[in-house]
Protein backbone atom coordinates (compact mmCIF):
# COMPACT_ATOMS: atom_id res chain seq x y z
CA MET A 1 -8.91 -2.22 -6.90
CA LYS A 2 -12.59 -1.32 -6.65
CA GLU A 3 -13.56 -4.77 -7.94
CA LEU A 4 -11.42 -6.43 -5.27
CA ILE A 5 -13.05 -4.32 -2.53
CA GLU A 6 -16.51 -5.14 -3.94
CA LYS A 7 -15.71 -8.87 -3.85
CA LEU A 8 -14.58 -8.54 -0.25
CA SER A 9 -17.72 -6.64 0.75
CA GLU A 10 -19.82 -9.54 -0.60
CA ASP A 11 -17.82 -12.19 1.30
CA ASP A 12 -19.59 -13.81 4.30
CA LEU A 13 -16.43 -13.74 6.46
CA PHE A 14 -16.09 -10.01 5.90
CA LYS A 15 -19.78 -9.33 6.51
CA GLN A 16 -19.60 -11.19 9.83
CA TRP A 17 -16.41 -9.34 10.83
CA GLN A 18 -17.90 -6.00 9.86
CA GLN A 19 -20.93 -6.53 12.13
CA ASP A 20 -18.55 -6.58 15.11
CA ASN A 21 -16.36 -3.79 13.70
CA ALA A 22 -18.84 -1.26 12.34
CA GLU A 23 -16.55 1.68 13.15
CA SER A 24 -13.74 0.32 10.97
CA PHE A 25 -12.76 1.85 7.63
CA LEU A 26 -10.76 0.82 4.57
CA SER A 27 -7.24 2.14 5.12
CA HIS A 28 -4.96 0.58 2.50
CA LEU A 29 -4.11 -2.07 -0.04
CA PHE A 30 -0.68 -3.68 0.22
CA CYS A 31 1.40 -6.09 -1.86
CA PRO A 32 5.07 -7.11 -1.77
CA LEU A 33 7.04 -6.49 -4.97
CA SER A 34 10.09 -8.16 -6.43
CA ALA A 35 13.10 -6.13 -7.54
CA ASP A 36 11.80 -6.42 -11.13
CA PHE A 37 8.42 -4.90 -10.11
CA GLN A 38 6.36 -8.12 -10.10
CA LEU A 39 3.64 -8.68 -7.50
CA LYS A 40 4.84 -11.41 -5.12
CA SER A 41 1.44 -12.34 -3.65
CA ASN A 42 -2.23 -11.39 -3.61
CA TRP A 43 -3.22 -7.90 -2.56
CA GLU A 44 -3.89 -7.46 1.16
CA ILE A 45 -6.80 -5.23 2.12
CA GLY A 46 -6.44 -3.36 5.41
CA TYR A 47 -9.18 -2.02 7.65
CA HIS A 48 -8.41 0.33 10.55
CA SER A 49 -10.20 0.39 13.88
CA ASN A 50 -9.00 1.65 17.28
CA ASP A 51 -5.32 1.84 16.22
CA LYS A 52 -5.43 -1.75 14.98
CA ILE A 53 -5.30 -3.00 11.40
CA THR A 54 -7.19 -6.08 10.29
CA VAL A 55 -6.07 -7.53 6.95
CA PHE A 56 -8.05 -9.59 4.47
CA VAL A 57 -6.35 -11.62 1.72
CA ALA A 58 -8.03 -13.27 -1.24
CA ASN A 59 -7.59 -17.04 -1.52
CA GLN A 60 -9.15 -19.83 -3.58
CA ASN A 61 -12.20 -20.02 -1.28
CA GLY A 62 -12.86 -16.28 -1.00
CA PHE A 63 -10.93 -14.40 1.67
CA GLU A 64 -9.00 -15.14 4.81
CA ILE A 65 -8.60 -12.78 7.73
CA LYS A 66 -5.35 -12.07 9.56
CA PRO A 67 -5.51 -11.21 13.27
CA ALA A 68 -5.72 -7.51 14.10
CA ASP A 69 -2.30 -5.96 14.62
CA ASP A 70 -0.96 -2.62 15.88
CA VAL A 71 -0.71 0.18 13.34
CA PHE A 72 2.83 0.84 12.09
CA LYS A 73 3.08 4.65 11.95
CA LYS A 74 4.78 7.64 13.49
CA GLN A 75 3.25 8.51 16.84
CA ASP A 76 1.72 11.79 15.64
CA ALA A 77 0.58 10.39 12.26
CA LYS A 78 -3.08 9.75 11.56
CA VAL A 79 -4.43 6.74 9.65
CA GLU A 80 -6.76 8.11 7.00
CA PRO A 81 -9.57 6.32 5.14
CA LEU A 82 -8.51 5.22 1.66
CA LYS A 83 -10.34 7.36 -0.89
CA LEU A 84 -10.85 4.90 -3.75
CA ASP A 85 -12.75 7.50 -5.76
CA ASP A 86 -9.51 9.51 -6.00
CA VAL A 87 -7.70 6.62 -7.72
CA LYS A 88 -7.53 7.41 -11.42
CA LEU A 89 -4.26 5.57 -12.16
CA SER A 90 -4.23 1.79 -12.24
CA PHE A 91 -1.40 -0.08 -10.55
CA GLU A 92 0.08 -0.76 -14.02
CA GLN A 93 -0.01 2.95 -14.92
CA ALA A 94 1.59 3.90 -11.59
CA LEU A 95 4.28 1.27 -12.17
CA ASP A 96 5.09 2.74 -15.60
CA ILE A 97 5.54 6.18 -14.03
CA LEU A 98 7.66 4.71 -11.23
CA LYS A 99 9.97 2.99 -13.72
CA GLU A 100 10.47 6.32 -15.48
CA GLU A 101 10.92 8.43 -12.33
CA LEU A 102 13.02 6.14 -10.09
CA PRO A 103 16.28 6.51 -12.07
CA LYS A 104 15.86 10.31 -12.01
CA SER A 105 15.34 10.46 -8.25
CA PHE A 106 17.72 7.64 -7.27
CA PRO A 107 20.44 7.37 -9.94
CA GLY A 108 22.56 4.24 -9.59
CA ALA A 109 20.24 2.61 -7.05
CA LEU A 110 20.31 -1.19 -7.36
CA LEU A 111 16.90 -2.30 -6.20
CA GLY A 112 16.10 -5.31 -4.10
CA ASP A 113 12.58 -6.38 -3.17
CA GLY A 114 10.01 -3.94 -1.88
CA PHE A 115 6.31 -3.30 -1.52
CA ILE A 116 3.47 -1.11 -2.70
CA ILE A 117 0.77 0.49 -0.57
CA LEU A 118 -2.27 2.29 -1.94
CA GLN A 119 -3.25 4.69 0.82
CA THR A 120 -4.45 8.17 1.61
CA TYR A 121 -1.51 10.03 3.15
CA GLN A 122 -1.74 13.66 4.26
CA GLU A 123 -5.12 13.91 2.52
CA LYS A 124 -3.73 12.71 -0.84
CA THR A 125 -4.36 9.24 -2.23
CA VAL A 126 -1.00 7.81 -3.30
CA TRP A 127 0.67 4.75 -4.70
CA ASN A 128 3.45 4.44 -2.11
CA PHE A 129 6.39 2.38 -3.44
CA THR A 130 9.28 1.35 -1.18
CA PHE A 131 12.33 -0.78 -2.07
CA ILE A 132 15.46 -1.77 -0.22
CA THR A 133 18.58 -1.23 -2.31
CA LYS A 134 21.72 -3.34 -2.58
CA GLN A 135 23.48 -0.37 -0.93
CA LEU A 136 21.34 -0.97 2.21
CA LYS A 137 19.09 2.02 1.77
CA PHE A 138 15.34 2.37 1.53
CA VAL A 139 14.13 4.30 -1.50
CA ASN A 140 10.55 5.53 -1.37
CA MET A 141 8.41 7.28 -3.95
CA LYS A 142 4.82 8.41 -3.54
CA LEU A 143 2.81 8.95 -6.74
CA ASN A 144 -0.48 10.82 -6.66
CA ALA A 145 -3.08 8.18 -7.56
CA GLY A 146 -5.18 10.76 -9.35
CA THR A 147 -2.65 12.74 -11.34
CA GLY A 148 0.45 10.54 -11.50
CA GLU A 149 2.61 13.35 -10.14
CA VAL A 150 5.48 12.50 -7.78
CA GLU A 151 4.32 13.71 -4.35
CA ASP A 152 7.46 12.75 -2.47
CA SER A 153 10.66 10.74 -2.82
CA GLN A 154 13.26 9.95 -0.22
CA GLU A 155 16.25 7.74 0.47
CA ILE A 156 17.00 6.44 3.95
CA ASP A 157 20.33 4.89 4.97
CA LEU A 158 19.88 1.67 6.92
CA VAL A 159 23.47 1.73 8.16
CA GLN A 160 24.64 4.68 10.24
CA LYS A 161 28.11 5.92 9.26
């Protein structure tokens, strides 16, 4: 992840954007996942500024920028800077832990596609995995990016009974 951020910081498009957005900070890395845990696209790198997120995505020519968009969060939640120095587990290591822990936390869950976010949440840097299940539920597991411990897991029904 650090290498990807370093490449972005050297990119002319990013340097130009950053001149106009000096108060912005790295907030997350995001990638959609298939039900069999494969990355479905390139990592997206999010920068936060004034309750807007600007996303950069690597392409064959360097990076492209997506227009700034509103932050998707609970009203009282705070977007925190991503603490890359706290990341000790690679994505692959986090995925191995997820594959071991998911059946324990969500027995019988039949996963559909999902996504992964590397973020700092409540002052802890986490690999935040979310999948939609075939039973129309979201399953979410947050793994501490430093220790590999499960910080939180939850299941949310999409259909009200």
